PDB file of all heavy atoms in Angstrom:
ATOM      1  N   ILE A   1       3.470   6.506 -12.463  1.00  0.00           N
ATOM      2  CA  ILE A   1       2.745   6.089 -11.255  1.00  0.00           C
ATOM      3  C   ILE A   1       3.698   5.268 -10.359  1.00  0.00           C
ATOM      4  O   ILE A   1       4.392   4.356 -10.865  1.00  0.00           O
ATOM      5  CB  ILE A   1       1.536   5.265 -11.607  1.00  0.00           C
ATOM      6  CG1 ILE A   1       0.567   6.083 -12.421  1.00  0.00           C
ATOM      7  CG2 ILE A   1       0.867   4.672 -10.369  1.00  0.00           C
ATOM      8  CD1 ILE A   1      -0.572   5.239 -13.063  1.00  0.00           C
ATOM      9  N   PRO A   2       3.748   5.567  -9.050  1.00  0.00           N
ATOM     10  CA  PRO A   2       4.558   4.684  -8.177  1.00  0.00           C
ATOM     11  C   PRO A   2       4.064   3.285  -8.248  1.00  0.00           C
ATOM     12  O   PRO A   2       2.870   2.991  -8.322  1.00  0.00           O
ATOM     13  CB  PRO A   2       4.306   5.266  -6.784  1.00  0.00           C
ATOM     14  CG  PRO A   2       3.771   6.644  -7.010  1.00  0.00           C
ATOM     15  CD  PRO A   2       3.064   6.636  -8.351  1.00  0.00           C
ATOM     16  N   ASP A   3       5.005   2.332  -8.197  1.00  0.00           N
ATOM     17  CA  ASP A   3       4.681   0.889  -8.263  1.00  0.00           C
ATOM     18  C   ASP A   3       3.768   0.447  -7.110  1.00  0.00           C
ATOM     19  O   ASP A   3       2.975  -0.479  -7.250  1.00  0.00           O
ATOM     20  CB  ASP A   3       5.930   0.016  -8.254  1.00  0.00           C
ATOM     21  CG  ASP A   3       6.694   0.178  -9.530  1.00  0.00           C
ATOM     22  OD1 ASP A   3       6.143   0.646 -10.542  1.00  0.00           O
ATOM     23  OD2 ASP A   3       7.893  -0.220  -9.583  1.00  0.00           O
ATOM     24  N   SER A   4       3.989   0.999  -5.922  1.00  0.00           N
ATOM     25  CA  SER A   4       3.229   0.567  -4.753  1.00  0.00           C
ATOM     26  C   SER A   4       3.265   1.660  -3.680  1.00  0.00           C
ATOM     27  O   SER A   4       4.017   2.624  -3.808  1.00  0.00           O
ATOM     28  CB  SER A   4       3.764  -0.728  -4.200  1.00  0.00           C
ATOM     29  OG  SER A   4       5.129  -0.530  -3.831  1.00  0.00           O
ATOM     30  N   GLU A   5       2.431   1.475  -2.695  1.00  0.00           N
ATOM     31  CA  GLU A   5       2.410   2.378  -1.578  1.00  0.00           C
ATOM     32  C   GLU A   5       1.840   1.664  -0.375  1.00  0.00           C
ATOM     33  O   GLU A   5       1.128   0.663  -0.489  1.00  0.00           O
ATOM     34  CB  GLU A   5       1.575   3.660  -1.904  1.00  0.00           C
ATOM     35  CG  GLU A   5       0.089   3.373  -2.061  1.00  0.00           C
ATOM     36  CD  GLU A   5      -0.688   4.566  -2.513  1.00  0.00           C
ATOM     37  OE1 GLU A   5      -0.343   5.710  -2.108  1.00  0.00           O
ATOM     38  OE2 GLU A   5      -1.628   4.385  -3.292  1.00  0.00           O
ATOM     39  N   ILE A   6       2.207   2.162   0.806  1.00  0.00           N
ATOM     40  CA  ILE A   6       1.610   1.731   2.050  1.00  0.00           C
ATOM     41  C   ILE A   6       0.901   2.928   2.633  1.00  0.00           C
ATOM     42  O   ILE A   6       1.471   4.018   2.773  1.00  0.00           O
ATOM     43  CB  ILE A   6       2.723   1.212   3.015  1.00  0.00           C
ATOM     44  CG1 ILE A   6       3.399  -0.017   2.410  1.00  0.00           C
ATOM     45  CG2 ILE A   6       2.097   0.894   4.382  1.00  0.00           C
ATOM     46  CD1 ILE A   6       4.600  -0.503   3.212  1.00  0.00           C
ATOM     47  N   ILE A   7      -0.359   2.708   2.924  1.00  0.00           N
ATOM     48  CA  ILE A   7      -1.193   3.800   3.435  1.00  0.00           C
ATOM     49  C   ILE A   7      -1.585   3.454   4.929  1.00  0.00           C
ATOM     50  O   ILE A   7      -2.099   2.414   5.181  1.00  0.00           O
ATOM     51  CB  ILE A   7      -2.479   3.982   2.602  1.00  0.00           C
ATOM     52  CG1 ILE A   7      -2.079   4.270   1.158  1.00  0.00           C
ATOM     53  CG2 ILE A   7      -3.378   5.049   3.181  1.00  0.00           C
ATOM     54  CD1 ILE A   7      -3.214   4.183   0.158  1.00  0.00           C
ATOM     55  N   LEU A   8      -1.278   4.389   5.802  1.00  0.00           N
ATOM     56  CA  LEU A   8      -1.612   4.271   7.218  1.00  0.00           C
ATOM     57  C   LEU A   8      -2.834   5.170   7.464  1.00  0.00           C
ATOM     58  O   LEU A   8      -2.724   6.382   7.325  1.00  0.00           O
ATOM     59  CB  LEU A   8      -0.477   4.656   8.109  1.00  0.00           C
ATOM     60  CG  LEU A   8       0.868   3.941   7.849  1.00  0.00           C
ATOM     61  CD1 LEU A   8       1.969   4.582   8.687  1.00  0.00           C
ATOM     62  CD2 LEU A   8       0.749   2.493   8.134  1.00  0.00           C
ATOM     63  N   SER A   9      -3.970   4.566   7.813  1.00  0.00           N
ATOM     64  CA  SER A   9      -5.156   5.361   8.040  1.00  0.00           C
ATOM     65  C   SER A   9      -5.191   5.887   9.481  1.00  0.00           C
ATOM     66  O   SER A   9      -4.500   5.421  10.353  1.00  0.00           O
ATOM     67  CB  SER A   9      -6.443   4.530   7.764  1.00  0.00           C
ATOM     68  OG  SER A   9      -6.563   3.551   8.749  1.00  0.00           O
ATOM     69  N   ASN A  10      -6.060   6.880   9.687  1.00  0.00           N
ATOM     70  CA  ASN A  10      -6.215   7.468  11.043  1.00  0.00           C
ATOM     71  C   ASN A  10      -6.709   6.472  12.067  1.00  0.00           C
ATOM     72  O   ASN A  10      -6.511   6.608  13.249  1.00  0.00           O
ATOM     73  CB  ASN A  10      -7.135   8.666  10.979  1.00  0.00           C
ATOM     74  CG  ASN A  10      -6.504   9.836  10.233  1.00  0.00           C
ATOM     75  OD1 ASN A  10      -5.259   9.933  10.171  1.00  0.00           O
ATOM     76  ND2 ASN A  10      -7.319  10.715   9.673  1.00  0.00           N
ATOM     77  N   ASP A  11      -7.454   5.463  11.554  1.00  0.00           N
ATOM     78  CA  ASP A  11      -8.000   4.462  12.529  1.00  0.00           C
ATOM     79  C   ASP A  11      -7.091   3.226  12.689  1.00  0.00           C
ATOM     80  O   ASP A  11      -7.519   2.221  13.257  1.00  0.00           O
ATOM     81  CB  ASP A  11      -9.436   4.036  12.090  1.00  0.00           C
ATOM     82  CG  ASP A  11      -9.503   3.484  10.694  1.00  0.00           C
ATOM     83  OD1 ASP A  11      -8.457   3.307  10.043  1.00  0.00           O
ATOM     84  OD2 ASP A  11     -10.606   3.158  10.257  1.00  0.00           O
ATOM     85  N   GLY A  12      -5.865   3.327  12.203  1.00  0.00           N
ATOM     86  CA  GLY A  12      -4.890   2.259  12.427  1.00  0.00           C
ATOM     87  C   GLY A  12      -4.761   1.187  11.353  1.00  0.00           C
ATOM     88  O   GLY A  12      -3.937   0.298  11.496  1.00  0.00           O
ATOM     89  N   TRP A  13      -5.579   1.252  10.300  1.00  0.00           N
ATOM     90  CA  TRP A  13      -5.506   0.247   9.277  1.00  0.00           C
ATOM     91  C   TRP A  13      -4.305   0.510   8.377  1.00  0.00           C
ATOM     92  O   TRP A  13      -3.943   1.663   8.040  1.00  0.00           O
ATOM     93  CB  TRP A  13      -6.765   0.264   8.390  1.00  0.00           C
ATOM     94  CG  TRP A  13      -7.934  -0.381   9.093  1.00  0.00           C
ATOM     95  CD1 TRP A  13      -8.917   0.230   9.836  1.00  0.00           C
ATOM     96  CD2 TRP A  13      -8.188  -1.772   9.182  1.00  0.00           C
ATOM     97  NE1 TRP A  13      -9.777  -0.690  10.329  1.00  0.00           N
ATOM     98  CE2 TRP A  13      -9.368  -1.927   9.947  1.00  0.00           C
ATOM     99  CE3 TRP A  13      -7.577  -2.921   8.687  1.00  0.00           C
ATOM    100  CZ2 TRP A  13      -9.895  -3.170  10.218  1.00  0.00           C
ATOM    101  CZ3 TRP A  13      -8.130  -4.161   8.958  1.00  0.00           C
ATOM    102  CH2 TRP A  13      -9.277  -4.294   9.741  1.00  0.00           C
ATOM    103  N   ILE A  14      -3.689  -0.530   7.911  1.00  0.00           N
ATOM    104  CA  ILE A  14      -2.556  -0.437   6.968  1.00  0.00           C
ATOM    105  C   ILE A  14      -3.013  -1.078   5.652  1.00  0.00           C
ATOM    106  O   ILE A  14      -3.517  -2.184   5.641  1.00  0.00           O
ATOM    107  CB  ILE A  14      -1.309  -1.189   7.489  1.00  0.00           C
ATOM    108  CG1 ILE A  14      -0.858  -0.585   8.793  1.00  0.00           C
ATOM    109  CG2 ILE A  14      -0.206  -1.134   6.396  1.00  0.00           C
ATOM    110  CD1 ILE A  14       0.275  -1.381   9.481  1.00  0.00           C
ATOM    111  N   THR A  15      -2.868  -0.303   4.560  1.00  0.00           N
ATOM    112  CA  THR A  15      -3.244  -0.797   3.232  1.00  0.00           C
ATOM    113  C   THR A  15      -1.997  -0.819   2.343  1.00  0.00           C
ATOM    114  O   THR A  15      -1.334   0.177   2.223  1.00  0.00           O
ATOM    115  CB  THR A  15      -4.321   0.125   2.613  1.00  0.00           C
ATOM    116  OG1 THR A  15      -5.452   0.189   3.463  1.00  0.00           O
ATOM    117  CG2 THR A  15      -4.738  -0.377   1.229  1.00  0.00           C
ATOM    118  N   ARG A  16      -1.760  -1.979   1.722  1.00  0.00           N
ATOM    119  CA  ARG A  16      -0.735  -2.096   0.695  1.00  0.00           C
ATOM    120  C   ARG A  16      -1.492  -2.076  -0.616  1.00  0.00           C
ATOM    121  O   ARG A  16      -2.430  -2.843  -0.826  1.00  0.00           O
ATOM    122  CB  ARG A  16       0.021  -3.431   0.766  1.00  0.00           C
ATOM    123  CG  ARG A  16       0.942  -3.528   1.914  1.00  0.00           C
ATOM    124  CD  ARG A  16       1.728  -4.821   1.815  1.00  0.00           C
ATOM    125  NE  ARG A  16       0.876  -5.952   1.359  1.00  0.00           N
ATOM    126  CZ  ARG A  16       1.305  -7.206   1.121  1.00  0.00           C
ATOM    127  NH1 ARG A  16       2.585  -7.451   1.307  1.00  0.00           N
ATOM    128  NH2 ARG A  16       0.523  -8.139   0.706  1.00  0.00           N
ATOM    129  N   THR A  17      -1.053  -1.241  -1.521  1.00  0.00           N
ATOM    130  CA  THR A  17      -1.728  -1.168  -2.788  1.00  0.00           C
ATOM    131  C   THR A  17      -0.760  -0.769  -3.881  1.00  0.00           C
ATOM    132  O   THR A  17       0.346  -0.300  -3.621  1.00  0.00           O
ATOM    133  CB  THR A  17      -2.944  -0.227  -2.741  1.00  0.00           C
ATOM    134  OG1 THR A  17      -3.685  -0.282  -4.000  1.00  0.00           O
ATOM    135  CG2 THR A  17      -2.520   1.247  -2.494  1.00  0.00           C
ATOM    136  N   GLY A  18      -1.145  -0.970  -5.126  1.00  0.00           N
ATOM    137  CA  GLY A  18      -0.299  -0.632  -6.234  1.00  0.00           C
ATOM    138  C   GLY A  18      -0.082  -1.826  -7.170  1.00  0.00           C
ATOM    139  O   GLY A  18      -0.575  -2.894  -6.894  1.00  0.00           O
ATOM    140  N   SER A  19       0.674  -1.603  -8.201  1.00  0.00           N
ATOM    141  CA  SER A  19       0.841  -2.614  -9.232  1.00  0.00           C
ATOM    142  C   SER A  19       1.888  -3.655  -8.940  1.00  0.00           C
ATOM    143  O   SER A  19       1.976  -4.670  -9.580  1.00  0.00           O
ATOM    144  CB  SER A  19       1.169  -1.945 -10.583  1.00  0.00           C
ATOM    145  OG  SER A  19       2.344  -1.185 -10.450  1.00  0.00           O
ATOM    146  N   SER A  20       2.764  -3.384  -7.924  1.00  0.00           N
ATOM    147  CA  SER A  20       3.793  -4.379  -7.652  1.00  0.00           C
ATOM    148  C   SER A  20       3.667  -5.033  -6.307  1.00  0.00           C
ATOM    149  O   SER A  20       4.581  -5.645  -5.813  1.00  0.00           O
ATOM    150  CB  SER A  20       5.176  -3.704  -7.758  1.00  0.00           C
ATOM    151  OG  SER A  20       5.349  -2.779  -6.685  1.00  0.00           O
ATOM    152  N   ILE A  21       2.472  -4.931  -5.678  1.00  0.00           N
ATOM    153  CA  ILE A  21       2.341  -5.510  -4.340  1.00  0.00           C
ATOM    154  C   ILE A  21       2.519  -7.034  -4.313  1.00  0.00           C
ATOM    155  O   ILE A  21       2.880  -7.586  -3.306  1.00  0.00           O
ATOM    156  CB  ILE A  21       1.007  -5.128  -3.685  1.00  0.00           C
ATOM    157  CG1 ILE A  21      -0.170  -5.692  -4.477  1.00  0.00           C
ATOM    158  CG2 ILE A  21       0.895  -3.640  -3.515  1.00  0.00           C
ATOM    159  CD1 ILE A  21      -1.480  -5.581  -3.731  1.00  0.00           C
ATOM    160  N   PHE A  22       2.269  -7.724  -5.433  1.00  0.00           N
ATOM    161  CA  PHE A  22       2.343  -9.151  -5.408  1.00  0.00           C
ATOM    162  C   PHE A  22       3.821  -9.640  -5.405  1.00  0.00           C
ATOM    163  O   PHE A  22       4.068 -10.789  -5.232  1.00  0.00           O
ATOM    164  CB  PHE A  22       1.619  -9.755  -6.612  1.00  0.00           C
ATOM    165  CG  PHE A  22       2.041  -9.183  -7.943  1.00  0.00           C
ATOM    166  CD1 PHE A  22       3.075  -9.759  -8.596  1.00  0.00           C
ATOM    167  CD2 PHE A  22       1.385  -8.126  -8.465  1.00  0.00           C
ATOM    168  CE1 PHE A  22       3.467  -9.226  -9.858  1.00  0.00           C
ATOM    169  CE2 PHE A  22       1.748  -7.589  -9.697  1.00  0.00           C
ATOM    170  CZ  PHE A  22       2.790  -8.159 -10.383  1.00  0.00           C
ATOM    171  N   ASN A  23       4.779  -8.694  -5.590  1.00  0.00           N
ATOM    172  CA  ASN A  23       6.179  -9.038  -5.512  1.00  0.00           C
ATOM    173  C   ASN A  23       6.722  -8.999  -4.108  1.00  0.00           C
ATOM    174  O   ASN A  23       7.913  -9.270  -3.875  1.00  0.00           O
ATOM    175  CB  ASN A  23       7.005  -8.122  -6.415  1.00  0.00           C
ATOM    176  CG  ASN A  23       6.742  -8.391  -7.844  1.00  0.00           C
ATOM    177  OD1 ASN A  23       6.479  -9.476  -8.273  1.00  0.00           O
ATOM    178  ND2 ASN A  23       6.753  -7.316  -8.666  1.00  0.00           N
ATOM    179  N   TRP A  24       5.948  -8.583  -3.103  1.00  0.00           N
ATOM    180  CA  TRP A  24       6.404  -8.385  -1.722  1.00  0.00           C
ATOM    181  C   TRP A  24       6.556  -9.703  -1.061  1.00  0.00           C
ATOM    182  O   TRP A  24       5.882 -10.636  -1.228  1.00  0.00           O
ATOM    183  CB  TRP A  24       5.518  -7.489  -1.004  1.00  0.00           C
ATOM    184  CG  TRP A  24       5.538  -6.075  -1.461  1.00  0.00           C
ATOM    185  CD1 TRP A  24       6.122  -5.589  -2.578  1.00  0.00           C
ATOM    186  CD2 TRP A  24       4.925  -4.968  -0.831  1.00  0.00           C
ATOM    187  NE1 TRP A  24       5.912  -4.286  -2.684  1.00  0.00           N
ATOM    188  CE2 TRP A  24       5.180  -3.824  -1.681  1.00  0.00           C
ATOM    189  CE3 TRP A  24       4.183  -4.753   0.281  1.00  0.00           C
ATOM    190  CZ2 TRP A  24       4.691  -2.564  -1.348  1.00  0.00           C
ATOM    191  CZ3 TRP A  24       3.738  -3.495   0.579  1.00  0.00           C
ATOM    192  CH2 TRP A  24       4.013  -2.419  -0.221  1.00  0.00           C
TER     193      TRP A  24
END
């Protein structure tokens, strides 16, 4: 599984998710 990802939604929202997001 990728450690993290950034998801850009069609309505402009940005979501950071995954198991290593707290290291950012």
